[in-house]
Amino acid sequence: MGRPPINAGLKMVKQTVWLDPPLLARIVAAVGDRGMSEFFRSAAEAELKRRERKPKPGAGE
């Protein structure tokens, strides 16, 4: 079966991420070996949305 194809219309960039073994083990336990890329994409998107909603210091003055 293998990895699902990446959408040909999207340009993807390979990125190395350093994780400590316990954190990696928790991620693999939750999403499996084949679900990590989607997990990191969705986690990064959610965190960016959260940070972009948060008001910047001094913005309300």
N, C-alpha and C. Protein backbone atom coordinates (compact mmCIF):
# COMPACT_ATOMS: atom_id res chain seq x y z
N MET A 1 0.83 -1.19 0.00
CA MET A 1 0.00 0.00 0.00
C MET A 1 0.87 1.25 0.00
N GLY A 2 1.71 1.41 1.00
CA GLY A 2 2.65 2.53 1.01
C GLY A 2 2.03 3.86 1.42
N ARG A 3 2.83 4.89 1.33
CA ARG A 3 2.41 6.24 1.70
C ARG A 3 1.47 6.79 0.66
N PRO A 4 0.40 7.51 1.10
CA PRO A 4 -0.47 8.12 0.11
C PRO A 4 0.28 9.20 -0.67
N PRO A 5 -0.09 9.42 -1.92
CA PRO A 5 0.63 10.43 -2.73
C PRO A 5 0.42 11.84 -2.17
N ILE A 6 1.46 12.63 -2.26
CA ILE A 6 1.38 14.03 -1.87
C ILE A 6 0.69 14.77 -3.01
N ASN A 7 -0.18 15.69 -2.66
CA ASN A 7 -0.90 16.47 -3.67
C ASN A 7 0.12 17.14 -4.60
N ALA A 8 0.05 16.80 -5.88
CA ALA A 8 1.03 17.31 -6.85
C ALA A 8 0.98 18.83 -6.98
N GLY A 9 -0.15 19.44 -6.63
CA GLY A 9 -0.29 20.89 -6.73
C GLY A 9 0.37 21.64 -5.58
N LEU A 10 0.71 20.93 -4.52
CA LEU A 10 1.33 21.58 -3.36
C LEU A 10 2.82 21.33 -3.36
N LYS A 11 3.59 22.36 -3.07
CA LYS A 11 5.03 22.18 -2.93
C LYS A 11 5.31 21.91 -1.47
N MET A 12 5.99 20.82 -1.22
CA MET A 12 6.34 20.43 0.14
C MET A 12 7.85 20.53 0.29
N VAL A 13 8.29 20.85 1.50
CA VAL A 13 9.70 20.94 1.82
C VAL A 13 9.97 19.97 2.95
N LYS A 14 11.00 19.16 2.80
CA LYS A 14 11.39 18.21 3.85
C LYS A 14 12.08 18.98 4.96
N GLN A 15 11.72 18.66 6.21
CA GLN A 15 12.30 19.34 7.36
C GLN A 15 12.66 18.31 8.42
N THR A 16 13.82 18.44 8.99
CA THR A 16 14.24 17.56 10.09
C THR A 16 13.81 18.19 11.41
N VAL A 17 13.22 17.38 12.27
CA VAL A 17 12.80 17.84 13.58
C VAL A 17 13.45 16.94 14.62
N TRP A 18 14.08 17.52 15.61
CA TRP A 18 14.72 16.76 16.68
C TRP A 18 13.74 16.64 17.84
N LEU A 19 13.46 15.40 18.24
CA LEU A 19 12.53 15.14 19.35
C LEU A 19 13.19 14.20 20.34
N ASP A 20 12.85 14.39 21.63
CA ASP A 20 13.38 13.44 22.60
C ASP A 20 12.58 12.13 22.48
N PRO A 21 13.23 11.01 22.79
CA PRO A 21 12.58 9.70 22.59
C PRO A 21 11.22 9.53 23.26
N PRO A 22 11.01 10.00 24.51
CA PRO A 22 9.68 9.83 25.10
C PRO A 22 8.58 10.58 24.34
N LEU A 23 8.89 11.78 23.85
CA LEU A 23 7.90 12.53 23.08
C LEU A 23 7.60 11.81 21.77
N LEU A 24 8.62 11.36 21.08
CA LEU A 24 8.42 10.63 19.84
C LEU A 24 7.59 9.37 20.07
N ALA A 25 7.87 8.65 21.15
CA ALA A 25 7.11 7.44 21.46
C ALA A 25 5.63 7.75 21.68
N ARG A 26 5.33 8.86 22.34
CA ARG A 26 3.93 9.26 22.55
C ARG A 26 3.25 9.57 21.23
N ILE A 27 3.95 10.26 20.34
CA ILE A 27 3.37 10.59 19.04
C ILE A 27 3.11 9.33 18.23
N VAL A 28 4.09 8.44 18.17
CA VAL A 28 3.94 7.19 17.42
C VAL A 28 2.80 6.36 18.01
N ALA A 29 2.67 6.33 19.33
CA ALA A 29 1.59 5.58 19.96
C ALA A 29 0.23 6.15 19.59
N ALA A 30 0.15 7.47 19.42
CA ALA A 30 -1.12 8.11 19.11
C ALA A 30 -1.48 8.03 17.63
N VAL A 31 -0.49 8.16 16.74
CA VAL A 31 -0.81 8.27 15.31
C VAL A 31 -0.17 7.19 14.44
N GLY A 32 0.74 6.41 14.99
CA GLY A 32 1.42 5.38 14.21
C GLY A 32 2.58 5.94 13.41
N ASP A 33 3.41 5.04 12.89
CA ASP A 33 4.58 5.45 12.11
C ASP A 33 4.19 6.21 10.84
N ARG A 34 3.08 5.83 10.23
CA ARG A 34 2.68 6.41 8.94
C ARG A 34 1.86 7.68 9.07
N GLY A 35 1.50 8.07 10.30
CA GLY A 35 0.65 9.24 10.46
C GLY A 35 1.37 10.47 10.96
N MET A 36 2.70 10.37 11.09
CA MET A 36 3.43 11.47 11.71
C MET A 36 3.46 12.75 10.87
N SER A 37 3.62 12.64 9.57
CA SER A 37 3.68 13.86 8.75
C SER A 37 2.38 14.64 8.85
N GLU A 38 1.26 13.97 8.73
CA GLU A 38 -0.04 14.65 8.84
C GLU A 38 -0.21 15.21 10.24
N PHE A 39 0.22 14.48 11.25
CA PHE A 39 0.14 14.96 12.62
C PHE A 39 0.91 16.27 12.78
N PHE A 40 2.15 16.30 12.29
CA PHE A 40 2.96 17.52 12.43
C PHE A 40 2.39 18.68 11.63
N ARG A 41 1.88 18.40 10.43
CA ARG A 41 1.26 19.48 9.64
C ARG A 41 0.05 20.06 10.37
N SER A 42 -0.84 19.20 10.86
CA SER A 42 -2.04 19.70 11.52
C SER A 42 -1.72 20.36 12.85
N ALA A 43 -0.74 19.82 13.60
CA ALA A 43 -0.34 20.44 14.87
C ALA A 43 0.27 21.82 14.63
N ALA A 44 1.10 21.94 13.61
CA ALA A 44 1.73 23.23 13.30
C ALA A 44 0.66 24.24 12.87
N GLU A 45 -0.29 23.81 12.05
CA GLU A 45 -1.36 24.71 11.61
C GLU A 45 -2.19 25.18 12.80
N ALA A 46 -2.56 24.26 13.69
CA ALA A 46 -3.36 24.62 14.87
C ALA A 46 -2.59 25.58 15.77
N GLU A 47 -1.31 25.33 15.98
CA GLU A 47 -0.51 26.20 16.85
C GLU A 47 -0.33 27.58 16.23
N LEU A 48 -0.13 27.64 14.92
CA LEU A 48 -0.02 28.95 14.27
C LEU A 48 -1.32 29.74 14.38
N LYS A 49 -2.44 29.09 14.18
CA LYS A 49 -3.73 29.78 14.33
C LYS A 49 -3.89 30.30 15.74
N ARG A 50 -3.51 29.48 16.74
CA ARG A 50 -3.62 29.91 18.13
C ARG A 50 -2.74 31.13 18.40
N ARG A 51 -1.50 31.08 17.92
CA ARG A 51 -0.58 32.20 18.16
C ARG A 51 -1.00 33.45 17.39
N GLU A 52 -1.56 33.29 16.22
CA GLU A 52 -1.98 34.45 15.42
C GLU A 52 -3.22 35.13 16.02
N ARG A 53 -4.04 34.38 16.77
CA ARG A 53 -5.21 34.95 17.43
C ARG A 53 -4.83 35.74 18.67
N LYS A 54 -3.75 35.31 19.32
CA LYS A 54 -3.32 35.91 20.58
C LYS A 54 -2.86 37.35 20.32
N PRO A 55 -3.40 38.34 21.06
CA PRO A 55 -2.96 39.72 20.84
C PRO A 55 -1.48 39.90 21.19
N LYS A 56 -0.83 40.70 20.40
CA LYS A 56 0.60 40.97 20.64
C LYS A 56 0.73 41.97 21.80
N PRO A 57 1.79 41.83 22.60
CA PRO A 57 1.99 42.77 23.72
C PRO A 57 2.02 44.21 23.21
N GLY A 58 1.29 45.09 23.90
CA GLY A 58 1.28 46.51 23.53
C GLY A 58 0.34 46.84 22.40
N ALA A 59 -0.36 45.86 21.82
CA ALA A 59 -1.24 46.12 20.68
C ALA A 59 -2.52 46.83 21.09
N GLY A 60 -2.94 46.69 22.36
CA GLY A 60 -4.19 47.28 22.81
C GLY A 60 -4.04 48.68 23.36
N GLU A 61 -2.88 49.24 23.27
CA GLU A 61 -2.65 50.59 23.84
C GLU A 61 -2.97 51.67 22.86
